[in-house]
Structures are given as C-alpha cells and as structure tokens.
Amino acid sequence: MIIHIVLFKWQPDISAETITSVMSALKGMKGKVPEIIDLSCGNNFSELSQGFHNALVVQFKDKTALDAYAKNAHHQEIIKTLIKPILADKITIDYEV
C-alpha cells in the first residue's frame, strides 16, 4: 500500500471559504478517482505546523495507482483551478507500507 501525504501552505489573506472549497473538492475525489482506496484531509491545528495550513492523506494499492492518480484529469483540474492560484508552498511525501 502507498500513502501519499501533501501539506499545503496558502498565500496570505486567503479566505476560510476558499480553503473550505479546496478541501471539499479534494474530499470529492474519492468517488471520482478510481485508484483512491481512502482519502482524508483537513485543517492543521498543530502549533508545530511551520505555517502549513492543511493536509491531504491518500491511500493507493501500489505505485502504479499513485501514478494514475497523479495524471487523472479530475485531480489535475483541482490542482490547476483551485490549488495553484492560492498555493504558497507544499510538501509531498509518498511511502510504502
């Protein structure tokens, strides 16, 4: 199994409503991207966050499924239209369990 983690840092002055829209779109991928086994995302409340506001955790069967997800048109549309316009920084971690 592959675990895919993304930490998001947004540009200053991004509204809570905009972030909620992004999180809703990410959650909606579970039913639309067939390679996803499980998905969760939410707001970071840790005081050790180093400015990262939200996290996404996705589980896949294998690296082939992760690659297919990365290229999926619905996933790419969310990145292009919702994430990139407000993104300041991100960290991505993928590991096998």
N, C-alpha and C. Protein backbone atom coordinates (compact mmCIF):
# COMPACT_ATOMS: atom_id res chain seq x y z
N MET A 1 0.84 -1.18 0.00
CA MET A 1 0.00 0.00 0.00
C MET A 1 0.89 1.24 0.00
N ILE A 2 0.44 2.25 -0.71
CA ILE A 2 1.15 3.53 -0.79
C ILE A 2 0.36 4.59 -0.03
N ILE A 3 1.07 5.36 0.78
CA ILE A 3 0.48 6.51 1.48
C ILE A 3 1.05 7.77 0.84
N HIS A 4 0.17 8.66 0.44
CA HIS A 4 0.52 9.92 -0.22
C HIS A 4 0.05 11.05 0.69
N ILE A 5 0.98 11.88 1.14
CA ILE A 5 0.67 12.99 2.05
C ILE A 5 1.09 14.29 1.40
N VAL A 6 0.20 15.28 1.44
CA VAL A 6 0.53 16.61 0.95
C VAL A 6 0.18 17.62 2.04
N LEU A 7 1.13 18.48 2.37
CA LEU A 7 0.91 19.59 3.30
C LEU A 7 0.84 20.87 2.47
N PHE A 8 -0.17 21.69 2.73
CA PHE A 8 -0.40 22.91 1.97
C PHE A 8 -0.18 24.15 2.82
N LYS A 9 0.54 25.11 2.26
CA LYS A 9 0.67 26.45 2.85
C LYS A 9 0.07 27.41 1.83
N TRP A 10 -0.93 28.17 2.26
CA TRP A 10 -1.64 29.08 1.35
C TRP A 10 -1.05 30.47 1.39
N GLN A 11 -1.30 31.22 0.36
CA GLN A 11 -0.88 32.62 0.31
C GLN A 11 -1.60 33.40 1.42
N PRO A 12 -0.98 34.48 1.90
CA PRO A 12 -1.63 35.28 2.95
C PRO A 12 -2.98 35.82 2.47
N ASP A 13 -3.88 35.99 3.40
CA ASP A 13 -5.19 36.61 3.17
C ASP A 13 -6.14 35.76 2.33
N ILE A 14 -5.92 34.45 2.25
CA ILE A 14 -6.87 33.57 1.58
C ILE A 14 -8.01 33.31 2.56
N SER A 15 -9.23 33.45 2.08
CA SER A 15 -10.40 33.32 2.96
C SER A 15 -10.63 31.87 3.39
N ALA A 16 -11.27 31.74 4.53
CA ALA A 16 -11.63 30.41 5.04
C ALA A 16 -12.58 29.71 4.06
N GLU A 17 -13.43 30.46 3.42
CA GLU A 17 -14.37 29.88 2.45
C GLU A 17 -13.63 29.28 1.26
N THR A 18 -12.60 29.95 0.80
CA THR A 18 -11.81 29.45 -0.32
C THR A 18 -11.12 28.15 0.07
N ILE A 19 -10.55 28.11 1.25
CA ILE A 19 -9.88 26.90 1.72
C ILE A 19 -10.88 25.76 1.89
N THR A 20 -12.06 26.07 2.40
CA THR A 20 -13.11 25.07 2.54
C THR A 20 -13.49 24.49 1.19
N SER A 21 -13.54 25.34 0.16
CA SER A 21 -13.85 24.87 -1.20
C SER A 21 -12.80 23.90 -1.71
N VAL A 22 -11.53 24.22 -1.45
CA VAL A 22 -10.44 23.34 -1.87
C VAL A 22 -10.55 21.99 -1.15
N MET A 23 -10.76 22.03 0.15
CA MET A 23 -10.86 20.79 0.92
C MET A 23 -12.05 19.95 0.46
N SER A 24 -13.16 20.59 0.15
CA SER A 24 -14.34 19.87 -0.35
C SER A 24 -14.05 19.20 -1.69
N ALA A 25 -13.36 19.92 -2.56
CA ALA A 25 -13.01 19.36 -3.87
C ALA A 25 -12.07 18.17 -3.71
N LEU A 26 -11.11 18.28 -2.81
CA LEU A 26 -10.19 17.17 -2.57
C LEU A 26 -10.93 15.96 -2.01
N LYS A 27 -11.83 16.18 -1.06
CA LYS A 27 -12.61 15.08 -0.49
C LYS A 27 -13.47 14.42 -1.57
N GLY A 28 -13.97 15.21 -2.51
CA GLY A 28 -14.81 14.69 -3.58
C GLY A 28 -14.09 13.80 -4.57
N MET A 29 -12.77 13.80 -4.54
CA MET A 29 -12.01 12.94 -5.45
C MET A 29 -12.23 11.45 -5.15
N LYS A 30 -12.56 11.11 -3.90
CA LYS A 30 -12.67 9.70 -3.52
C LYS A 30 -13.67 8.96 -4.39
N GLY A 31 -14.74 9.55 -4.75
CA GLY A 31 -15.72 8.88 -5.59
C GLY A 31 -15.48 9.03 -7.08
N LYS A 32 -14.54 9.88 -7.45
CA LYS A 32 -14.32 10.19 -8.86
C LYS A 32 -12.99 9.70 -9.42
N VAL A 33 -12.05 9.37 -8.56
CA VAL A 33 -10.74 8.87 -8.99
C VAL A 33 -10.64 7.42 -8.52
N PRO A 34 -10.77 6.48 -9.45
CA PRO A 34 -10.92 5.07 -9.06
C PRO A 34 -9.72 4.47 -8.32
N GLU A 35 -8.55 5.01 -8.46
CA GLU A 35 -7.36 4.46 -7.80
C GLU A 35 -7.32 4.72 -6.30
N ILE A 36 -8.12 5.66 -5.83
CA ILE A 36 -8.11 6.03 -4.40
C ILE A 36 -8.79 4.95 -3.57
N ILE A 37 -8.05 4.41 -2.60
CA ILE A 37 -8.62 3.46 -1.64
C ILE A 37 -9.27 4.23 -0.49
N ASP A 38 -8.56 5.20 0.03
CA ASP A 38 -9.08 6.03 1.12
C ASP A 38 -8.47 7.41 1.01
N LEU A 39 -9.18 8.41 1.51
CA LEU A 39 -8.73 9.79 1.43
C LEU A 39 -9.26 10.55 2.63
N SER A 40 -8.40 11.38 3.22
CA SER A 40 -8.84 12.31 4.26
C SER A 40 -8.05 13.60 4.10
N CYS A 41 -8.67 14.68 4.51
CA CYS A 41 -7.97 15.97 4.51
C CYS A 41 -8.62 16.87 5.54
N GLY A 42 -7.88 17.88 5.96
CA GLY A 42 -8.43 18.78 6.96
C GLY A 42 -7.48 19.89 7.34
N ASN A 43 -7.95 20.69 8.30
CA ASN A 43 -7.20 21.84 8.78
C ASN A 43 -6.17 21.42 9.82
N ASN A 44 -4.99 21.97 9.73
CA ASN A 44 -3.92 21.70 10.68
C ASN A 44 -4.09 22.60 11.90
N PHE A 45 -4.14 22.01 13.07
CA PHE A 45 -4.25 22.81 14.29
C PHE A 45 -2.99 22.74 15.16
N SER A 46 -1.96 22.07 14.68
CA SER A 46 -0.72 21.93 15.44
C SER A 46 0.02 23.26 15.56
N GLU A 47 0.58 23.48 16.72
CA GLU A 47 1.42 24.66 16.92
C GLU A 47 2.81 24.46 16.31
N LEU A 48 3.10 23.26 15.84
CA LEU A 48 4.38 22.94 15.23
C LEU A 48 4.28 22.89 13.71
N SER A 49 3.30 23.54 13.13
CA SER A 49 2.96 23.41 11.71
C SER A 49 3.90 24.10 10.75
N GLN A 50 4.74 25.00 11.23
CA GLN A 50 5.65 25.78 10.39
C GLN A 50 4.89 26.50 9.27
N GLY A 51 3.66 26.89 9.56
CA GLY A 51 2.88 27.67 8.61
C GLY A 51 2.07 26.86 7.61
N PHE A 52 2.10 25.55 7.69
CA PHE A 52 1.30 24.73 6.79
C PHE A 52 -0.11 24.62 7.35
N HIS A 53 -1.09 24.93 6.51
CA HIS A 53 -2.47 25.10 6.95
C HIS A 53 -3.33 23.85 6.85
N ASN A 54 -3.11 23.03 5.83
CA ASN A 54 -3.97 21.87 5.58
C ASN A 54 -3.13 20.67 5.16
N ALA A 55 -3.73 19.49 5.33
CA ALA A 55 -3.08 18.25 4.93
C ALA A 55 -4.06 17.38 4.16
N LEU A 56 -3.50 16.60 3.25
CA LEU A 56 -4.23 15.60 2.47
C LEU A 56 -3.49 14.28 2.63
N VAL A 57 -4.22 13.20 2.92
CA VAL A 57 -3.64 11.86 3.02
C VAL A 57 -4.48 10.94 2.14
N VAL A 58 -3.81 10.26 1.21
CA VAL A 58 -4.50 9.37 0.27
C VAL A 58 -3.79 8.02 0.28
N GLN A 59 -4.59 6.94 0.24
CA GLN A 59 -4.04 5.59 0.17
C GLN A 59 -4.31 4.99 -1.20
N PHE A 60 -3.28 4.29 -1.72
CA PHE A 60 -3.36 3.62 -3.02
C PHE A 60 -2.86 2.20 -2.88
N LYS A 61 -3.28 1.34 -3.80
CA LYS A 61 -2.85 -0.06 -3.81
C LYS A 61 -1.35 -0.18 -4.03
N ASP A 62 -0.83 0.60 -5.00
CA ASP A 62 0.57 0.47 -5.38
C ASP A 62 1.04 1.74 -6.10
N LYS A 63 2.30 1.74 -6.52
CA LYS A 63 2.86 2.91 -7.19
C LYS A 63 2.19 3.18 -8.53
N THR A 64 1.73 2.14 -9.20
CA THR A 64 1.03 2.32 -10.47
C THR A 64 -0.26 3.11 -10.26
N ALA A 65 -0.97 2.81 -9.19
CA ALA A 65 -2.20 3.54 -8.86
C ALA A 65 -1.89 5.00 -8.51
N LEU A 66 -0.80 5.23 -7.78
CA LEU A 66 -0.38 6.60 -7.46
C LEU A 66 -0.07 7.38 -8.73
N ASP A 67 0.63 6.75 -9.66
CA ASP A 67 0.95 7.40 -10.94
C ASP A 67 -0.31 7.73 -11.73
N ALA A 68 -1.27 6.82 -11.74
CA ALA A 68 -2.53 7.07 -12.45
C ALA A 68 -3.29 8.22 -11.82
N TYR A 69 -3.31 8.28 -10.50
CA TYR A 69 -3.95 9.38 -9.76
C TYR A 69 -3.30 10.71 -10.12
N ALA A 70 -1.98 10.72 -10.17
CA ALA A 70 -1.25 11.95 -10.47
C ALA A 70 -1.63 12.51 -11.83
N LYS A 71 -1.94 11.63 -12.77
CA LYS A 71 -2.29 12.04 -14.14
C LYS A 71 -3.79 12.19 -14.35
N ASN A 72 -4.59 11.80 -13.40
CA ASN A 72 -6.05 11.83 -13.55
C ASN A 72 -6.55 13.24 -13.86
N ALA A 73 -7.42 13.36 -14.85
CA ALA A 73 -7.91 14.66 -15.30
C ALA A 73 -8.65 15.43 -14.21
N HIS A 74 -9.46 14.73 -13.41
CA HIS A 74 -10.19 15.41 -12.33
C HIS A 74 -9.22 15.97 -11.29
N HIS A 75 -8.24 15.17 -10.91
CA HIS A 75 -7.21 15.60 -9.96
C HIS A 75 -6.44 16.80 -10.51
N GLN A 76 -6.04 16.73 -11.77
CA GLN A 76 -5.29 17.83 -12.39
C GLN A 76 -6.12 19.11 -12.47
N GLU A 77 -7.42 18.99 -12.69
CA GLU A 77 -8.29 20.16 -12.74
C GLU A 77 -8.37 20.86 -11.39
N ILE A 78 -8.44 20.10 -10.30
CA ILE A 78 -8.45 20.67 -8.96
C ILE A 78 -7.14 21.41 -8.69
N ILE A 79 -6.03 20.82 -9.08
CA ILE A 79 -4.74 21.47 -8.89
C ILE A 79 -4.69 22.78 -9.67
N LYS A 80 -5.06 22.72 -10.93
CA LYS A 80 -4.96 23.89 -11.82
C LYS A 80 -5.88 25.03 -11.40
N THR A 81 -7.15 24.71 -11.10
CA THR A 81 -8.13 25.77 -10.87
C THR A 81 -8.28 26.21 -9.42
N LEU A 82 -8.05 25.31 -8.47
CA LEU A 82 -8.28 25.65 -7.07
C LEU A 82 -7.02 25.79 -6.23
N ILE A 83 -6.06 24.90 -6.44
CA ILE A 83 -4.88 24.89 -5.56
C ILE A 83 -3.80 25.86 -6.02
N LYS A 84 -3.35 25.74 -7.27
CA LYS A 84 -2.24 26.58 -7.73
C LYS A 84 -2.48 28.09 -7.57
N PRO A 85 -3.70 28.58 -7.82
CA PRO A 85 -3.90 30.03 -7.68
C PRO A 85 -3.70 30.58 -6.26
N ILE A 86 -3.80 29.72 -5.24
CA ILE A 86 -3.68 30.21 -3.86
C ILE A 86 -2.51 29.60 -3.10
N LEU A 87 -1.74 28.74 -3.75
CA LEU A 87 -0.68 28.00 -3.08
C LEU A 87 0.57 28.85 -2.88
N ALA A 88 1.10 28.82 -1.65
CA ALA A 88 2.37 29.46 -1.35
C ALA A 88 3.50 28.43 -1.32
N ASP A 89 3.19 27.24 -0.77
CA ASP A 89 4.20 26.19 -0.66
C ASP A 89 3.49 24.88 -0.38
N LYS A 90 4.18 23.77 -0.66
CA LYS A 90 3.65 22.45 -0.33
C LYS A 90 4.79 21.49 -0.09
N ILE A 91 4.48 20.45 0.65
CA ILE A 91 5.40 19.34 0.87
C ILE A 91 4.63 18.08 0.51
N THR A 92 5.24 17.21 -0.27
CA THR A 92 4.63 15.95 -0.63
C THR A 92 5.52 14.81 -0.17
N ILE A 93 4.89 13.83 0.46
CA ILE A 93 5.60 12.64 0.95
C ILE A 93 4.84 11.42 0.48
N ASP A 94 5.54 10.47 -0.12
CA ASP A 94 4.96 9.20 -0.52
C ASP A 94 5.80 8.09 0.10
N TYR A 95 5.12 7.11 0.71
CA TYR A 95 5.85 5.97 1.26
C TYR A 95 5.01 4.71 1.15
N GLU A 96 5.70 3.58 1.22
CA GLU A 96 5.05 2.27 1.09
C GLU A 96 4.95 1.61 2.45
N VAL A 97 3.79 1.02 2.71
CA VAL A 97 3.59 0.28 3.98
C VAL A 97 3.30 -1.18 3.69
